[in-house]
Amino acid sequence: MKNTFLILFFFISITLAAQEKIDYSTKVSSIDSTVATLYAVISGDKGEARDWNLFKHLFHKEAKLIPIGKKDNKITVRYMSTEDYINTSGPWLIDNGFHEIEIQRETQTFGNFAHVFSTYESYKSKDDEKPLMRGINSIQLLNDGKRWWIINLYWKQETEKNPIPEIYLPKE
């Protein structure tokens, strides 16, 4: 009987520990912490796993991730959920290494609504001197009175024909 009780206690303890949620509240308590966490969670060295639970925690359940691209010489957009992004981009990030760093930000707020225009540089490794790419993330956020949610993340990479305007680059 004593052994049965110990075994039952052990399994209940393991089950409760597995159900325990990680407290991400500090990661979404401000616009700054939310944007910083976004950049941190997608960044990592080659072979380094990403915290996709934290990534999903940043976004409202109806949020969209929207990259602008080009196909057949036409400008296109792709609408993705967080799961779509994880499934399509996640393996590439891990297989290749990817570090995205914010280099300039412009934030506009109105009450509980915010828009962040965030210029970034991306590298395969933290040791790289020259960025792999640069671009601008347009991040729309909502504060529901408890925390900040990313509602949409819309981005475009810089090209030779469409360089980032000086106004969105760091001031010397």
C-alpha atoms as a PDB file:
ATOM      1  CA  MET A   1       0.000   0.000   0.000  1.00  0.00           C
ATOM      2  CA  LYS A   2       2.815   2.371   0.924  1.00  0.00           C
ATOM      3  CA  ASN A   3       4.580   1.712  -2.413  1.00  0.00           C
ATOM      4  CA  THR A   4       1.340   2.260  -4.349  1.00  0.00           C
ATOM      5  CA  PHE A   5       0.877   5.620  -2.629  1.00  0.00           C
ATOM      6  CA  LEU A   6       4.461   6.663  -3.454  1.00  0.00           C
ATOM      7  CA  ILE A   7       4.085   5.648  -7.103  1.00  0.00           C
ATOM      8  CA  LEU A   8       0.753   7.487  -7.365  1.00  0.00           C
ATOM      9  CA  PHE A   9       2.277  10.590  -5.739  1.00  0.00           C
ATOM     10  CA  PHE A  10       5.238  10.433  -8.160  1.00  0.00           C
ATOM     11  CA  PHE A  11       2.983  10.288 -11.257  1.00  0.00           C
ATOM     12  CA  ILE A  12       0.712  13.081 -10.006  1.00  0.00           C
ATOM     13  CA  SER A  13       3.774  15.270  -9.357  1.00  0.00           C
ATOM     14  CA  ILE A  14       5.126  14.629 -12.873  1.00  0.00           C
ATOM     15  CA  THR A  15       1.715  15.365 -14.437  1.00  0.00           C
ATOM     16  CA  LEU A  16       1.360  18.643 -12.543  1.00  0.00           C
ATOM     17  CA  ALA A  17       4.894  19.722 -13.456  1.00  0.00           C
ATOM     18  CA  ALA A  18       4.241  18.988 -17.147  1.00  0.00           C
ATOM     19  CA  GLN A  19       1.079  21.100 -17.031  1.00  0.00           C
ATOM     20  CA  GLU A  20       2.818  24.052 -15.382  1.00  0.00           C
ATOM     21  CA  LYS A  21       2.898  27.026 -17.729  1.00  0.00           C
ATOM     22  CA  ILE A  22       5.891  29.244 -18.188  1.00  0.00           C
ATOM     23  CA  ASP A  23       5.262  32.857 -17.158  1.00  0.00           C
ATOM     24  CA  TYR A  24       5.992  35.035 -20.202  1.00  0.00           C
ATOM     25  CA  SER A  25       4.298  38.144 -18.768  1.00  0.00           C
ATOM     26  CA  THR A  26       7.480  40.258 -18.688  1.00  0.00           C
ATOM     27  CA  LYS A  27       8.033  39.486 -22.376  1.00  0.00           C
ATOM     28  CA  VAL A  28       4.785  41.266 -23.360  1.00  0.00           C
ATOM     29  CA  SER A  29       4.454  43.939 -20.671  1.00  0.00           C
ATOM     30  CA  SER A  30       5.554  46.814 -22.921  1.00  0.00           C
ATOM     31  CA  ILE A  31       6.013  47.595 -26.594  1.00  0.00           C
ATOM     32  CA  ASP A  32       9.794  47.498 -26.079  1.00  0.00           C
ATOM     33  CA  SER A  33       9.768  44.082 -24.394  1.00  0.00           C
ATOM     34  CA  THR A  34       7.396  42.626 -26.993  1.00  0.00           C
ATOM     35  CA  VAL A  35       9.482  43.809 -29.964  1.00  0.00           C
ATOM     36  CA  ALA A  36      12.762  42.794 -28.304  1.00  0.00           C
ATOM     37  CA  THR A  37      11.327  39.330 -27.604  1.00  0.00           C
ATOM     38  CA  LEU A  38      10.183  39.000 -31.216  1.00  0.00           C
ATOM     39  CA  TYR A  39      13.719  39.611 -32.474  1.00  0.00           C
ATOM     40  CA  ALA A  40      15.269  37.384 -29.798  1.00  0.00           C
ATOM     41  CA  VAL A  41      12.952  34.420 -30.299  1.00  0.00           C
ATOM     42  CA  ILE A  42      13.561  34.068 -34.057  1.00  0.00           C
ATOM     43  CA  SER A  43      17.310  34.575 -33.679  1.00  0.00           C
ATOM     44  CA  GLY A  44      19.778  31.810 -32.988  1.00  0.00           C
ATOM     45  CA  ASP A  45      22.821  29.966 -34.209  1.00  0.00           C
ATOM     46  CA  LYS A  46      22.738  27.120 -36.707  1.00  0.00           C
ATOM     47  CA  GLY A  47      21.214  24.060 -35.042  1.00  0.00           C
ATOM     48  CA  GLU A  48      19.796  26.074 -32.131  1.00  0.00           C
ATOM     49  CA  ALA A  49      16.143  25.362 -31.340  1.00  0.00           C
ATOM     50  CA  ARG A  50      13.774  28.306 -31.078  1.00  0.00           C
ATOM     51  CA  ASP A  51      11.180  28.747 -28.337  1.00  0.00           C
ATOM     52  CA  TRP A  52       8.103  28.478 -30.553  1.00  0.00           C
ATOM     53  CA  ASN A  53       5.767  28.565 -27.545  1.00  0.00           C
ATOM     54  CA  LEU A  54       7.134  31.995 -26.677  1.00  0.00           C
ATOM     55  CA  PHE A  55       6.893  33.028 -30.343  1.00  0.00           C
ATOM     56  CA  LYS A  56       3.190  32.073 -30.434  1.00  0.00           C
ATOM     57  CA  HIS A  57       2.630  33.813 -27.089  1.00  0.00           C
ATOM     58  CA  LEU A  58       3.613  37.156 -28.667  1.00  0.00           C
ATOM     59  CA  PHE A  59       0.864  37.029 -31.272  1.00  0.00           C
ATOM     60  CA  HIS A  60      -2.899  37.396 -30.987  1.00  0.00           C
ATOM     61  CA  LYS A  61      -4.622  34.170 -32.057  1.00  0.00           C
ATOM     62  CA  GLU A  62      -5.917  35.877 -35.241  1.00  0.00           C
ATOM     63  CA  ALA A  63      -2.579  37.570 -36.053  1.00  0.00           C
ATOM     64  CA  LYS A  64      -1.044  37.415 -39.488  1.00  0.00           C
ATOM     65  CA  LEU A  65       2.591  37.395 -40.561  1.00  0.00           C
ATOM     66  CA  ILE A  66       2.797  38.987 -44.004  1.00  0.00           C
ATOM     67  CA  PRO A  67       6.009  39.035 -46.048  1.00  0.00           C
ATOM     68  CA  ILE A  68       6.140  41.075 -49.245  1.00  0.00           C
ATOM     69  CA  GLY A  69       7.908  39.308 -52.078  1.00  0.00           C
ATOM     70  CA  LYS A  70       8.153  39.051 -55.803  1.00  0.00           C
ATOM     71  CA  LYS A  71       6.989  36.220 -58.055  1.00  0.00           C
ATOM     72  CA  ASP A  72       6.999  36.235 -61.848  1.00  0.00           C
ATOM     73  CA  ASN A  73       8.091  39.880 -61.725  1.00  0.00           C
ATOM     74  CA  LYS A  74       4.983  40.843 -59.712  1.00  0.00           C
ATOM     75  CA  ILE A  75       4.820  42.087 -56.130  1.00  0.00           C
ATOM     76  CA  THR A  76       3.131  39.519 -53.899  1.00  0.00           C
ATOM     77  CA  VAL A  77       2.180  39.054 -50.262  1.00  0.00           C
ATOM     78  CA  ARG A  78       1.738  35.857 -48.314  1.00  0.00           C
ATOM     79  CA  TYR A  79      -0.583  35.660 -45.302  1.00  0.00           C
ATOM     80  CA  MET A  80       0.575  33.263 -42.604  1.00  0.00           C
ATOM     81  CA  SER A  81      -0.549  32.263 -39.148  1.00  0.00           C
ATOM     82  CA  THR A  82       2.086  31.704 -36.486  1.00  0.00           C
ATOM     83  CA  GLU A  83       1.868  27.957 -37.200  1.00  0.00           C
ATOM     84  CA  ASP A  84       2.372  28.592 -40.930  1.00  0.00           C
ATOM     85  CA  TYR A  85       5.482  30.656 -40.171  1.00  0.00           C
ATOM     86  CA  ILE A  86       6.895  28.025 -37.818  1.00  0.00           C
ATOM     87  CA  ASN A  87       6.285  25.250 -40.358  1.00  0.00           C
ATOM     88  CA  THR A  88       7.691  27.109 -43.381  1.00  0.00           C
ATOM     89  CA  SER A  89      10.468  29.296 -41.934  1.00  0.00           C
ATOM     90  CA  GLY A  90      11.318  27.492 -38.705  1.00  0.00           C
ATOM     91  CA  PRO A  91      13.385  24.685 -40.238  1.00  0.00           C
ATOM     92  CA  TRP A  92      15.356  27.160 -42.388  1.00  0.00           C
ATOM     93  CA  LEU A  93      16.176  29.343 -39.368  1.00  0.00           C
ATOM     94  CA  ILE A  94      17.530  26.348 -37.475  1.00  0.00           C
ATOM     95  CA  ASP A  95      19.311  24.730 -40.432  1.00  0.00           C
ATOM     96  CA  ASN A  96      21.092  27.932 -41.479  1.00  0.00           C
ATOM     97  CA  GLY A  97      21.410  30.099 -38.404  1.00  0.00           C
ATOM     98  CA  PHE A  98      19.683  33.456 -38.329  1.00  0.00           C
ATOM     99  CA  HIS A  99      20.082  36.573 -36.207  1.00  0.00           C
ATOM    100  CA  GLU A 100      17.817  39.544 -36.812  1.00  0.00           C
ATOM    101  CA  ILE A 101      18.826  42.778 -35.120  1.00  0.00           C
ATOM    102  CA  GLU A 102      16.789  45.956 -34.877  1.00  0.00           C
ATOM    103  CA  ILE A 103      18.871  48.961 -35.968  1.00  0.00           C
ATOM    104  CA  GLN A 104      16.243  51.737 -35.963  1.00  0.00           C
ATOM    105  CA  ARG A 105      12.701  52.118 -34.676  1.00  0.00           C
ATOM    106  CA  GLU A 106       9.854  54.561 -35.092  1.00  0.00           C
ATOM    107  CA  THR A 107       6.873  54.020 -32.777  1.00  0.00           C
ATOM    108  CA  GLN A 108       3.473  55.653 -32.947  1.00  0.00           C
ATOM    109  CA  THR A 109       0.791  55.053 -30.345  1.00  0.00           C
ATOM    110  CA  PHE A 110      -2.821  56.041 -29.846  1.00  0.00           C
ATOM    111  CA  GLY A 111      -4.309  54.739 -26.615  1.00  0.00           C
ATOM    112  CA  ASN A 112      -3.942  50.965 -26.608  1.00  0.00           C
ATOM    113  CA  PHE A 113      -2.998  50.809 -30.299  1.00  0.00           C
ATOM    114  CA  ALA A 114       0.583  50.965 -31.550  1.00  0.00           C
ATOM    115  CA  HIS A 115       2.504  50.812 -34.798  1.00  0.00           C
ATOM    116  CA  VAL A 116       6.229  50.076 -34.829  1.00  0.00           C
ATOM    117  CA  PHE A 117       8.280  50.639 -37.977  1.00  0.00           C
ATOM    118  CA  SER A 118      11.390  48.610 -37.175  1.00  0.00           C
ATOM    119  CA  THR A 119      14.425  48.538 -39.479  1.00  0.00           C
ATOM    120  CA  TYR A 120      16.455  45.357 -39.204  1.00  0.00           C
ATOM    121  CA  GLU A 121      19.628  43.672 -40.336  1.00  0.00           C
ATOM    122  CA  SER A 122      19.870  39.890 -40.568  1.00  0.00           C
ATOM    123  CA  TYR A 123      22.948  37.707 -40.209  1.00  0.00           C
ATOM    124  CA  LYS A 124      23.499  33.945 -40.382  1.00  0.00           C
ATOM    125  CA  SER A 125      25.915  34.182 -37.447  1.00  0.00           C
ATOM    126  CA  LYS A 126      26.540  36.733 -34.687  1.00  0.00           C
ATOM    127  CA  ASP A 127      30.142  36.863 -35.913  1.00  0.00           C
ATOM    128  CA  ASP A 128      29.248  37.974 -39.456  1.00  0.00           C
ATOM    129  CA  GLU A 129      30.365  41.495 -40.264  1.00  0.00           C
ATOM    130  CA  LYS A 130      28.116  42.095 -43.266  1.00  0.00           C
ATOM    131  CA  PRO A 131      24.341  41.552 -43.082  1.00  0.00           C
ATOM    132  CA  LEU A 132      22.710  38.835 -45.145  1.00  0.00           C
ATOM    133  CA  MET A 133      19.761  41.172 -45.690  1.00  0.00           C
ATOM    134  CA  ARG A 134      18.097  44.298 -44.373  1.00  0.00           C
ATOM    135  CA  GLY A 135      14.506  45.390 -44.345  1.00  0.00           C
ATOM    136  CA  ILE A 136      11.671  46.923 -42.413  1.00  0.00           C
ATOM    137  CA  ASN A 137       9.147  45.209 -40.143  1.00  0.00           C
ATOM    138  CA  SER A 138       5.806  46.935 -39.729  1.00  0.00           C
ATOM    139  CA  ILE A 139       4.462  45.661 -36.415  1.00  0.00           C
ATOM    140  CA  GLN A 140       0.925  46.480 -35.313  1.00  0.00           C
ATOM    141  CA  LEU A 141       0.202  45.901 -31.631  1.00  0.00           C
ATOM    142  CA  LEU A 142      -2.763  46.037 -29.263  1.00  0.00           C
ATOM    143  CA  ASN A 143      -2.805  46.357 -25.491  1.00  0.00           C
ATOM    144  CA  ASP A 144      -5.891  44.634 -24.089  1.00  0.00           C
ATOM    145  CA  GLY A 145      -5.368  46.150 -20.642  1.00  0.00           C
ATOM    146  CA  LYS A 146      -3.258  43.204 -19.512  1.00  0.00           C
ATOM    147  CA  ARG A 147      -0.480  42.905 -22.091  1.00  0.00           C
ATOM    148  CA  TRP A 148       0.702  43.787 -25.610  1.00  0.00           C
ATOM    149  CA  TRP A 149      -0.268  41.505 -28.501  1.00  0.00           C
ATOM    150  CA  ILE A 150       1.229  41.525 -31.974  1.00  0.00           C
ATOM    151  CA  ILE A 151      -1.779  41.804 -34.276  1.00  0.00           C
ATOM    152  CA  ASN A 152       0.151  41.817 -37.568  1.00  0.00           C
ATOM    153  CA  LEU A 153       3.771  41.575 -38.630  1.00  0.00           C
ATOM    154  CA  TYR A 154       4.230  42.864 -42.183  1.00  0.00           C
ATOM    155  CA  TRP A 155       7.732  43.052 -43.671  1.00  0.00           C
ATOM    156  CA  LYS A 156       9.755  43.835 -46.766  1.00  0.00           C
ATOM    157  CA  GLN A 157      13.388  43.191 -47.535  1.00  0.00           C
ATOM    158  CA  GLU A 158      15.573  45.866 -49.016  1.00  0.00           C
ATOM    159  CA  THR A 159      16.603  45.438 -52.671  1.00  0.00           C
ATOM    160  CA  GLU A 160      19.016  47.299 -54.920  1.00  0.00           C
ATOM    161  CA  LYS A 161      16.046  48.903 -56.672  1.00  0.00           C
ATOM    162  CA  ASN A 162      14.302  49.623 -53.383  1.00  0.00           C
ATOM    163  CA  PRO A 163      16.860  50.596 -50.723  1.00  0.00           C
ATOM    164  CA  ILE A 164      15.788  51.550 -47.222  1.00  0.00           C
ATOM    165  CA  PRO A 165      15.182  55.326 -47.084  1.00  0.00           C
ATOM    166  CA  GLU A 166      17.693  57.265 -44.966  1.00  0.00           C
ATOM    167  CA  ILE A 167      14.946  58.349 -42.553  1.00  0.00           C
ATOM    168  CA  TYR A 168      14.595  54.705 -41.420  1.00  0.00           C
ATOM    169  CA  LEU A 169      18.302  54.093 -40.906  1.00  0.00           C
ATOM    170  CA  PRO A 170      20.293  54.854 -37.734  1.00  0.00           C
ATOM    171  CA  LYS A 171      21.457  58.417 -37.367  1.00  0.00           C
ATOM    172  CA  GLU A 172      25.250  58.742 -37.418  1.00  0.00           C
END
